[in-house]
Amino acid sequence: AGMATAEVLAQPEFGGLFVVQRYRQRRDGTVSFGAHNVFGFDQQNSLVTMHQFDSMGFVPASPATGTWNEKELVLERSSPRGAARVTYGFDDTDTYRMQLQFKPAG
């Protein structure tokens, strides 16, 4: 796989009710993955939601959901392909780390 870099742009939309994020990953100088993420909040269930649409073309049946744990946002989603967990750790107001864990089905 090797080293990759990413550019992330995010902005609030609809009066701050949602955050729309554009993610573009480059490997060896070429865009190797892209995604648009829409973050929201499910008030009825008190869960953060994330709908992701990406260059792999898989349409999610449901959003990833999760909660805040101090300075970390942990989101999880399962599908017939497997289970994914993404953790966003915020170091300060301008910096975060993202960790993606994926367990294939079967």
N, C-alpha and C. Protein backbone atom coordinates (compact mmCIF):
# COMPACT_ATOMS: atom_id res chain seq x y z
N ALA A 1 0.83 -1.19 0.00
CA ALA A 1 0.00 0.00 0.00
C ALA A 1 0.87 1.25 0.00
N GLY A 2 1.75 1.41 0.98
CA GLY A 2 2.65 2.56 0.99
C GLY A 2 2.04 3.81 1.58
N MET A 3 2.83 4.87 1.53
CA MET A 3 2.45 6.15 2.11
C MET A 3 1.43 6.87 1.24
N ALA A 4 0.48 7.53 1.88
CA ALA A 4 -0.51 8.34 1.17
C ALA A 4 -0.67 9.66 1.91
N THR A 5 -1.08 10.68 1.19
CA THR A 5 -1.41 11.97 1.81
C THR A 5 -2.87 12.26 1.51
N ALA A 6 -3.45 13.15 2.29
CA ALA A 6 -4.86 13.47 2.09
C ALA A 6 -5.09 14.96 2.26
N GLU A 7 -6.05 15.45 1.51
CA GLU A 7 -6.54 16.82 1.66
C GLU A 7 -7.98 16.72 2.13
N VAL A 8 -8.31 17.44 3.18
CA VAL A 8 -9.65 17.40 3.74
C VAL A 8 -10.18 18.83 3.84
N LEU A 9 -11.34 19.05 3.26
CA LEU A 9 -12.02 20.34 3.37
C LEU A 9 -13.38 20.08 4.00
N ALA A 10 -13.73 20.86 5.00
CA ALA A 10 -15.02 20.66 5.67
C ALA A 10 -15.65 22.02 5.94
N GLN A 11 -16.97 22.06 5.84
CA GLN A 11 -17.68 23.30 6.15
C GLN A 11 -19.09 23.00 6.63
N PRO A 12 -19.60 23.86 7.52
CA PRO A 12 -20.97 23.68 7.99
C PRO A 12 -21.95 24.06 6.88
N GLU A 13 -23.09 23.39 6.86
CA GLU A 13 -24.15 23.66 5.89
C GLU A 13 -25.49 23.74 6.61
N PHE A 14 -26.44 24.39 5.98
CA PHE A 14 -27.81 24.49 6.49
C PHE A 14 -27.85 25.02 7.91
N GLY A 15 -27.20 26.16 8.10
CA GLY A 15 -27.22 26.81 9.41
C GLY A 15 -26.46 26.05 10.48
N GLY A 16 -25.51 25.21 10.08
CA GLY A 16 -24.71 24.46 11.05
C GLY A 16 -25.30 23.13 11.46
N LEU A 17 -26.42 22.73 10.85
CA LEU A 17 -27.03 21.45 11.21
C LEU A 17 -26.22 20.26 10.70
N PHE A 18 -25.46 20.47 9.62
CA PHE A 18 -24.65 19.41 9.03
C PHE A 18 -23.25 19.93 8.75
N VAL A 19 -22.29 19.03 8.68
CA VAL A 19 -20.94 19.35 8.21
C VAL A 19 -20.68 18.49 6.98
N VAL A 20 -20.33 19.15 5.88
CA VAL A 20 -20.02 18.44 4.65
C VAL A 20 -18.50 18.44 4.49
N GLN A 21 -17.95 17.26 4.29
CA GLN A 21 -16.50 17.09 4.23
C GLN A 21 -16.12 16.46 2.89
N ARG A 22 -15.09 17.03 2.26
CA ARG A 22 -14.54 16.44 1.04
C ARG A 22 -13.16 15.91 1.37
N TYR A 23 -12.92 14.66 1.02
CA TYR A 23 -11.67 13.97 1.32
C TYR A 23 -11.06 13.50 0.01
N ARG A 24 -9.79 13.83 -0.20
CA ARG A 24 -9.09 13.38 -1.40
C ARG A 24 -7.74 12.82 -1.00
N GLN A 25 -7.52 11.54 -1.30
CA GLN A 25 -6.27 10.86 -0.95
C GLN A 25 -5.40 10.71 -2.19
N ARG A 26 -4.11 10.99 -2.01
CA ARG A 26 -3.14 10.83 -3.10
C ARG A 26 -2.08 9.81 -2.71
N ARG A 27 -1.75 8.98 -3.68
CA ARG A 27 -0.69 7.99 -3.51
C ARG A 27 0.16 8.05 -4.79
N ASP A 28 1.46 8.22 -4.63
CA ASP A 28 2.38 8.34 -5.77
C ASP A 28 1.95 9.46 -6.72
N GLY A 29 1.44 10.58 -6.16
CA GLY A 29 1.07 11.74 -6.95
C GLY A 29 -0.25 11.66 -7.67
N THR A 30 -0.98 10.57 -7.49
CA THR A 30 -2.26 10.36 -8.17
C THR A 30 -3.37 10.21 -7.14
N VAL A 31 -4.54 10.79 -7.44
CA VAL A 31 -5.69 10.61 -6.55
C VAL A 31 -6.06 9.14 -6.56
N SER A 32 -6.01 8.51 -5.39
CA SER A 32 -6.30 7.07 -5.28
C SER A 32 -7.63 6.78 -4.59
N PHE A 33 -8.19 7.80 -3.94
CA PHE A 33 -9.47 7.61 -3.25
C PHE A 33 -10.07 8.98 -2.97
N GLY A 34 -11.38 9.08 -3.12
CA GLY A 34 -12.07 10.32 -2.80
C GLY A 34 -13.39 10.02 -2.12
N ALA A 35 -13.84 10.94 -1.28
CA ALA A 35 -15.11 10.75 -0.58
C ALA A 35 -15.75 12.09 -0.24
N HIS A 36 -17.06 12.08 -0.20
CA HIS A 36 -17.83 13.17 0.39
C HIS A 36 -18.55 12.57 1.59
N ASN A 37 -18.35 13.19 2.74
CA ASN A 37 -19.00 12.74 3.97
C ASN A 37 -19.95 13.82 4.44
N VAL A 38 -21.10 13.41 4.93
CA VAL A 38 -22.07 14.34 5.50
C VAL A 38 -22.30 13.92 6.94
N PHE A 39 -21.87 14.77 7.87
CA PHE A 39 -22.04 14.52 9.30
C PHE A 39 -23.29 15.24 9.79
N GLY A 40 -24.05 14.57 10.63
CA GLY A 40 -25.25 15.16 11.22
C GLY A 40 -25.43 14.63 12.62
N PHE A 41 -26.62 14.89 13.18
CA PHE A 41 -26.92 14.41 14.52
C PHE A 41 -28.34 13.91 14.56
N ASP A 42 -28.52 12.67 14.97
CA ASP A 42 -29.83 12.04 15.13
C ASP A 42 -30.30 12.36 16.54
N GLN A 43 -31.14 13.40 16.67
CA GLN A 43 -31.58 13.84 18.00
C GLN A 43 -32.39 12.78 18.73
N GLN A 44 -33.21 12.05 18.01
CA GLN A 44 -34.07 11.05 18.64
C GLN A 44 -33.26 9.97 19.35
N ASN A 45 -32.12 9.58 18.75
CA ASN A 45 -31.29 8.52 19.32
C ASN A 45 -29.99 9.03 19.94
N SER A 46 -29.78 10.34 19.93
CA SER A 46 -28.57 10.97 20.48
C SER A 46 -27.29 10.40 19.88
N LEU A 47 -27.28 10.26 18.55
CA LEU A 47 -26.12 9.71 17.84
C LEU A 47 -25.63 10.66 16.76
N VAL A 48 -24.32 10.75 16.62
CA VAL A 48 -23.72 11.43 15.47
C VAL A 48 -23.88 10.48 14.29
N THR A 49 -24.19 11.03 13.11
CA THR A 49 -24.33 10.21 11.91
C THR A 49 -23.32 10.67 10.85
N MET A 50 -22.91 9.73 10.02
CA MET A 50 -22.04 10.07 8.89
C MET A 50 -22.47 9.25 7.68
N HIS A 51 -22.92 9.94 6.65
CA HIS A 51 -23.22 9.30 5.36
C HIS A 51 -21.99 9.51 4.49
N GLN A 52 -21.46 8.44 3.91
CA GLN A 52 -20.27 8.55 3.07
C GLN A 52 -20.57 8.07 1.66
N PHE A 53 -20.13 8.87 0.70
CA PHE A 53 -20.24 8.53 -0.71
C PHE A 53 -18.83 8.63 -1.27
N ASP A 54 -18.32 7.52 -1.86
CA ASP A 54 -16.91 7.52 -2.21
C ASP A 54 -16.64 6.98 -3.61
N SER A 55 -15.38 7.07 -3.99
CA SER A 55 -14.96 6.68 -5.33
C SER A 55 -14.97 5.17 -5.56
N MET A 56 -15.20 4.39 -4.51
CA MET A 56 -15.32 2.94 -4.68
C MET A 56 -16.71 2.57 -5.18
N GLY A 57 -17.69 3.47 -4.98
CA GLY A 57 -19.01 3.29 -5.54
C GLY A 57 -20.01 2.51 -4.72
N PHE A 58 -19.64 2.09 -3.51
CA PHE A 58 -20.60 1.37 -2.67
C PHE A 58 -21.56 2.36 -2.03
N VAL A 59 -22.86 2.13 -2.20
CA VAL A 59 -23.87 3.01 -1.62
C VAL A 59 -24.26 2.43 -0.26
N PRO A 60 -24.04 3.20 0.81
CA PRO A 60 -24.36 2.67 2.14
C PRO A 60 -25.87 2.56 2.35
N ALA A 61 -26.29 1.43 2.92
CA ALA A 61 -27.71 1.24 3.23
C ALA A 61 -28.12 2.11 4.41
N SER A 62 -27.16 2.40 5.28
CA SER A 62 -27.43 3.24 6.45
C SER A 62 -26.15 3.99 6.80
N PRO A 63 -26.29 5.08 7.55
CA PRO A 63 -25.10 5.84 7.92
C PRO A 63 -24.30 5.15 9.02
N ALA A 64 -23.05 5.54 9.14
CA ALA A 64 -22.27 5.17 10.32
C ALA A 64 -22.83 6.01 11.47
N THR A 65 -22.84 5.44 12.66
CA THR A 65 -23.34 6.17 13.83
C THR A 65 -22.37 6.01 14.98
N GLY A 66 -22.41 6.98 15.89
CA GLY A 66 -21.52 6.89 17.04
C GLY A 66 -21.70 8.05 18.00
N THR A 67 -20.76 8.15 18.91
CA THR A 67 -20.84 9.15 19.97
C THR A 67 -19.47 9.76 20.24
N TRP A 68 -19.50 10.88 20.93
CA TRP A 68 -18.28 11.54 21.40
C TRP A 68 -17.85 10.91 22.71
N ASN A 69 -16.54 10.75 22.86
CA ASN A 69 -15.93 10.31 24.11
C ASN A 69 -14.79 11.28 24.37
N GLU A 70 -15.09 12.35 25.10
CA GLU A 70 -14.16 13.45 25.34
C GLU A 70 -13.73 14.06 24.02
N LYS A 71 -12.45 13.89 23.60
CA LYS A 71 -11.97 14.52 22.37
C LYS A 71 -11.96 13.55 21.18
N GLU A 72 -12.68 12.43 21.31
CA GLU A 72 -12.74 11.45 20.23
C GLU A 72 -14.18 11.22 19.77
N LEU A 73 -14.35 11.15 18.47
CA LEU A 73 -15.62 10.76 17.88
C LEU A 73 -15.42 9.37 17.28
N VAL A 74 -16.21 8.40 17.73
CA VAL A 74 -16.11 7.02 17.26
C VAL A 74 -17.40 6.67 16.52
N LEU A 75 -17.26 6.30 15.24
CA LEU A 75 -18.40 5.95 14.40
C LEU A 75 -18.24 4.51 13.92
N GLU A 76 -19.36 3.77 13.87
CA GLU A 76 -19.32 2.38 13.42
C GLU A 76 -20.44 2.12 12.42
N ARG A 77 -20.16 1.19 11.50
CA ARG A 77 -21.17 0.79 10.52
C ARG A 77 -20.89 -0.63 10.07
N SER A 78 -21.95 -1.40 9.89
CA SER A 78 -21.84 -2.77 9.38
C SER A 78 -22.60 -2.88 8.08
N SER A 79 -22.12 -3.74 7.20
CA SER A 79 -22.78 -4.01 5.93
C SER A 79 -22.48 -5.46 5.57
N PRO A 80 -23.06 -5.96 4.49
CA PRO A 80 -22.73 -7.33 4.07
C PRO A 80 -21.24 -7.52 3.76
N ARG A 81 -20.51 -6.43 3.49
CA ARG A 81 -19.07 -6.53 3.20
C ARG A 81 -18.23 -6.64 4.46
N GLY A 82 -18.77 -6.20 5.62
CA GLY A 82 -18.01 -6.26 6.87
C GLY A 82 -18.38 -5.15 7.82
N ALA A 83 -17.54 -4.96 8.84
CA ALA A 83 -17.79 -3.94 9.87
C ALA A 83 -16.64 -2.94 9.87
N ALA A 84 -16.99 -1.67 9.99
CA ALA A 84 -15.98 -0.61 10.00
C ALA A 84 -16.14 0.27 11.23
N ARG A 85 -15.01 0.72 11.74
CA ARG A 85 -14.99 1.69 12.84
C ARG A 85 -14.00 2.78 12.45
N VAL A 86 -14.44 4.02 12.55
CA VAL A 86 -13.54 5.14 12.30
C VAL A 86 -13.51 6.01 13.55
N THR A 87 -12.31 6.35 13.98
CA THR A 87 -12.12 7.18 15.17
C THR A 87 -11.43 8.47 14.76
N TYR A 88 -12.05 9.58 15.12
CA TYR A 88 -11.46 10.90 14.91
C TYR A 88 -10.99 11.40 16.27
N GLY A 89 -9.69 11.59 16.42
CA GLY A 89 -9.12 12.12 17.66
C GLY A 89 -8.69 13.55 17.44
N PHE A 90 -9.28 14.49 18.17
CA PHE A 90 -9.00 15.91 17.97
C PHE A 90 -7.93 16.39 18.92
N ASP A 91 -6.78 16.80 18.35
CA ASP A 91 -5.66 17.30 19.13
C ASP A 91 -5.87 18.75 19.56
N ASP A 92 -6.48 19.54 18.68
CA ASP A 92 -6.84 20.93 18.97
C ASP A 92 -7.93 21.33 17.98
N THR A 93 -8.24 22.62 17.87
CA THR A 93 -9.35 23.04 17.02
C THR A 93 -9.07 22.89 15.53
N ASP A 94 -7.80 22.76 15.14
CA ASP A 94 -7.45 22.67 13.72
C ASP A 94 -6.82 21.34 13.31
N THR A 95 -6.66 20.41 14.23
CA THR A 95 -5.92 19.19 13.93
C THR A 95 -6.64 17.96 14.48
N TYR A 96 -6.76 16.94 13.63
CA TYR A 96 -7.30 15.67 14.12
C TYR A 96 -6.55 14.51 13.47
N ARG A 97 -6.65 13.37 14.10
CA ARG A 97 -6.12 12.12 13.58
C ARG A 97 -7.29 11.19 13.29
N MET A 98 -7.21 10.46 12.20
CA MET A 98 -8.28 9.54 11.84
C MET A 98 -7.71 8.13 11.79
N GLN A 99 -8.38 7.20 12.46
CA GLN A 99 -7.98 5.79 12.42
C GLN A 99 -9.16 4.99 11.88
N LEU A 100 -8.92 4.20 10.85
CA LEU A 100 -9.95 3.37 10.25
C LEU A 100 -9.63 1.91 10.50
N GLN A 101 -10.60 1.18 11.04
CA GLN A 101 -10.47 -0.26 11.25
C GLN A 101 -11.58 -0.94 10.46
N PHE A 102 -11.24 -2.00 9.74
CA PHE A 102 -12.22 -2.71 8.94
C PHE A 102 -12.04 -4.21 9.12
N LYS A 103 -13.14 -4.90 9.37
CA LYS A 103 -13.13 -6.36 9.50
C LYS A 103 -14.04 -6.92 8.40
N PRO A 104 -13.46 -7.59 7.41
CA PRO A 104 -14.27 -8.16 6.34
C PRO A 104 -15.27 -9.19 6.87
N ALA A 105 -16.40 -9.31 6.20
CA ALA A 105 -17.40 -10.31 6.58
C ALA A 105 -16.82 -11.71 6.40
N GLY A 106 -17.28 -12.61 7.26
CA GLY A 106 -16.86 -14.01 7.12
C GLY A 106 -15.73 -14.31 7.94
